[in-house]
C-alpha atoms as a PDB file:
ATOM      1  CA  UNK A   1      -9.151   5.790  -1.203  1.00  0.00           C
ATOM      2  CA  UNK A   2     -10.585   4.677  -4.353  1.00  0.00           C
ATOM      3  CA  UNK A   3     -13.717   7.198  -4.279  1.00  0.00           C
ATOM      4  CA  UNK A   4     -16.249   5.698  -6.349  1.00  0.00           C
ATOM      5  CA  UNK A   5     -16.260   7.367 -10.641  1.00  0.00           C
ATOM      6  CA  UNK A   6     -17.905   6.628 -13.327  1.00  0.00           C
ATOM      7  CA  UNK A   7     -17.171   3.981 -16.219  1.00  0.00           C
ATOM      8  CA  UNK A   8     -15.423   7.209 -18.739  1.00  0.00           C
ATOM      9  CA  UNK A   9     -13.080   7.877 -15.629  1.00  0.00           C
ATOM     10  CA  UNK A  10     -11.629   4.702 -15.603  1.00  0.00           C
ATOM     11  CA  UNK A  11      -7.923   5.072 -15.762  1.00  0.00           C
ATOM     12  CA  UNK A  12      -5.322   2.321 -15.928  1.00  0.00           C
ATOM     13  CA  UNK A  13      -2.751   4.061 -14.000  1.00  0.00           C
ATOM     14  CA  UNK A  14      -5.108   4.026 -11.187  1.00  0.00           C
ATOM     15  CA  UNK A  15      -7.337   1.676 -11.343  1.00  0.00           C
ATOM     16  CA  UNK A  16      -5.954  -1.354 -13.094  1.00  0.00           C
ATOM     17  CA  UNK A  17      -2.479  -1.255 -11.999  1.00  0.00           C
ATOM     18  CA  UNK A  18       0.142  -2.241  -8.528  1.00  0.00           C
ATOM     19  CA  UNK A  19       0.157  -0.500  -5.630  1.00  0.00           C
ATOM     20  CA  UNK A  20       3.092  -1.320  -2.507  1.00  0.00           C
ATOM     21  CA  UNK A  21       3.372   0.425   0.377  1.00  0.00           C
ATOM     22  CA  UNK A  22       5.907   2.550   1.649  1.00  0.00           C
ATOM     23  CA  UNK A  23       6.720   3.457   5.603  1.00  0.00           C
ATOM     24  CA  UNK A  24      10.123   5.059   6.626  1.00  0.00           C
ATOM     25  CA  UNK A  25      11.484   7.362   9.320  1.00  0.00           C
ATOM     26  CA  UNK A  26      15.190   7.574  10.671  1.00  0.00           C
ATOM     27  CA  UNK A  27      15.964   4.063  11.341  1.00  0.00           C
ATOM     28  CA  UNK A  28      14.788   2.976   7.912  1.00  0.00           C
ATOM     29  CA  UNK A  29      12.151   2.028   4.923  1.00  0.00           C
ATOM     30  CA  UNK A  30      10.225  -1.081   4.650  1.00  0.00           C
ATOM     31  CA  UNK A  31       8.095  -2.042   1.441  1.00  0.00           C
ATOM     32  CA  UNK A  32       4.316  -4.168   2.170  1.00  0.00           C
ATOM     33  CA  UNK A  33       3.934  -6.816  -0.479  1.00  0.00           C
ATOM     34  CA  UNK A  34       2.444  -5.848  -4.255  1.00  0.00           C
ATOM     35  CA  UNK A  35      -0.952  -5.186  -4.097  1.00  0.00           C
ATOM     36  CA  UNK A  36      -2.653  -5.695  -7.694  1.00  0.00           C
ATOM     37  CA  UNK A  37      -5.879  -3.393  -7.621  1.00  0.00           C
ATOM     38  CA  UNK A  38      -8.282  -3.751 -10.522  1.00  0.00           C
ATOM     39  CA  UNK A  39     -11.678  -1.771 -10.841  1.00  0.00           C
ATOM     40  CA  UNK A  40     -14.747  -2.917 -12.196  1.00  0.00           C
ATOM     41  CA  UNK A  41     -18.290  -2.739 -13.147  1.00  0.00           C
ATOM     42  CA  UNK A  42     -20.687  -3.646 -10.663  1.00  0.00           C
ATOM     43  CA  UNK A  43     -21.957  -6.241 -13.269  1.00  0.00           C
ATOM     44  CA  UNK A  44     -18.638  -7.798 -13.642  1.00  0.00           C
ATOM     45  CA  UNK A  45     -17.451  -7.876  -9.997  1.00  0.00           C
ATOM     46  CA  UNK A  46     -20.543  -9.789  -9.435  1.00  0.00           C
ATOM     47  CA  UNK A  47     -19.338 -12.693 -11.836  1.00  0.00           C
ATOM     48  CA  UNK A  48     -15.533 -12.931 -11.154  1.00  0.00           C
ATOM     49  CA  UNK A  49     -13.460 -12.294  -8.443  1.00  0.00           C
ATOM     50  CA  UNK A  50     -10.245 -11.821  -8.255  1.00  0.00           C
ATOM     51  CA  UNK A  51      -7.585 -14.149  -5.976  1.00  0.00           C
ATOM     52  CA  UNK A  52      -7.610 -13.328  -2.430  1.00  0.00           C
ATOM     53  CA  UNK A  53      -5.369 -15.811  -0.017  1.00  0.00           C
ATOM     54  CA  UNK A  54      -7.315 -17.935   2.761  1.00  0.00           C
ATOM     55  CA  UNK A  55      -4.029 -19.167   3.982  1.00  0.00           C
ATOM     56  CA  UNK A  56      -0.777 -16.912   2.673  1.00  0.00           C
ATOM     57  CA  UNK A  57       2.257 -18.334   3.100  1.00  0.00           C
ATOM     58  CA  UNK A  58       5.079 -17.022   6.073  1.00  0.00           C
ATOM     59  CA  UNK A  59       7.049 -14.055   5.248  1.00  0.00           C
ATOM     60  CA  UNK A  60       9.972 -16.460   6.500  1.00  0.00           C
ATOM     61  CA  UNK A  61      10.129 -20.338   6.661  1.00  0.00           C
ATOM     62  CA  UNK A  62      12.553 -22.272   8.521  1.00  0.00           C
ATOM     63  CA  UNK A  63      12.574 -26.097   9.345  1.00  0.00           C
ATOM     64  CA  UNK A  64      14.716 -29.532  10.046  1.00  0.00           C
ATOM     65  CA  UNK A  65      16.181 -31.752   7.180  1.00  0.00           C
ATOM     66  CA  UNK A  66      14.935 -34.231  10.023  1.00  0.00           C
ATOM     67  CA  UNK A  67      11.564 -33.752  10.582  1.00  0.00           C
ATOM     68  CA  UNK A  68      10.746 -31.746   6.809  1.00  0.00           C
ATOM     69  CA  UNK A  69       8.600 -28.973   6.301  1.00  0.00           C
ATOM     70  CA  UNK A  70       5.324 -28.295   4.833  1.00  0.00           C
ATOM     71  CA  UNK A  71       4.790 -24.681   3.769  1.00  0.00           C
ATOM     72  CA  UNK A  72       0.327 -24.451   3.141  1.00  0.00           C
ATOM     73  CA  UNK A  73      -0.882 -21.629   0.249  1.00  0.00           C
ATOM     74  CA  UNK A  74      -4.587 -21.360  -0.450  1.00  0.00           C
ATOM     75  CA  UNK A  75      -6.561 -19.002  -2.388  1.00  0.00           C
ATOM     76  CA  UNK A  76     -10.530 -18.717  -2.900  1.00  0.00           C
ATOM     77  CA  UNK A  77     -12.211 -16.282  -5.997  1.00  0.00           C
ATOM     78  CA  UNK A  78     -14.002 -16.946  -9.109  1.00  0.00           C
ATOM     79  CA  UNK A  79     -13.172 -18.656 -11.166  1.00  0.00           C
ATOM     80  CA  UNK A  80     -10.990 -20.838  -8.844  1.00  0.00           C
ATOM     81  CA  UNK A  81      -7.648 -19.898  -8.600  1.00  0.00           C
ATOM     82  CA  UNK A  82      -4.564 -22.330  -9.543  1.00  0.00           C
ATOM     83  CA  UNK A  83      -1.921 -22.486  -6.817  1.00  0.00           C
ATOM     84  CA  UNK A  84       1.877 -22.548  -8.299  1.00  0.00           C
ATOM     85  CA  UNK A  85       5.104 -22.574  -6.043  1.00  0.00           C
ATOM     86  CA  UNK A  86       7.152 -20.194  -7.902  1.00  0.00           C
ATOM     87  CA  UNK A  87      10.958 -20.521  -7.286  1.00  0.00           C
END
């Protein structure tokens, strides 16, 4: 939870960093994907929107060499995000 804060209360280690969720029990541990958090002033948030996935690739993708496969990824934001595939 990120409560409201004055501009003078901005802390890069809390308001502009990468988070991950971790869940664990006696049977094991899981980690979420990375969440890039960035707080800004109300004016700047109206003009700029960080990328959000409209179509997010699945965690695992398998396909046949005979049929091929298509891996989709789409995002929205302002300005419009550039989509790249990294190996």
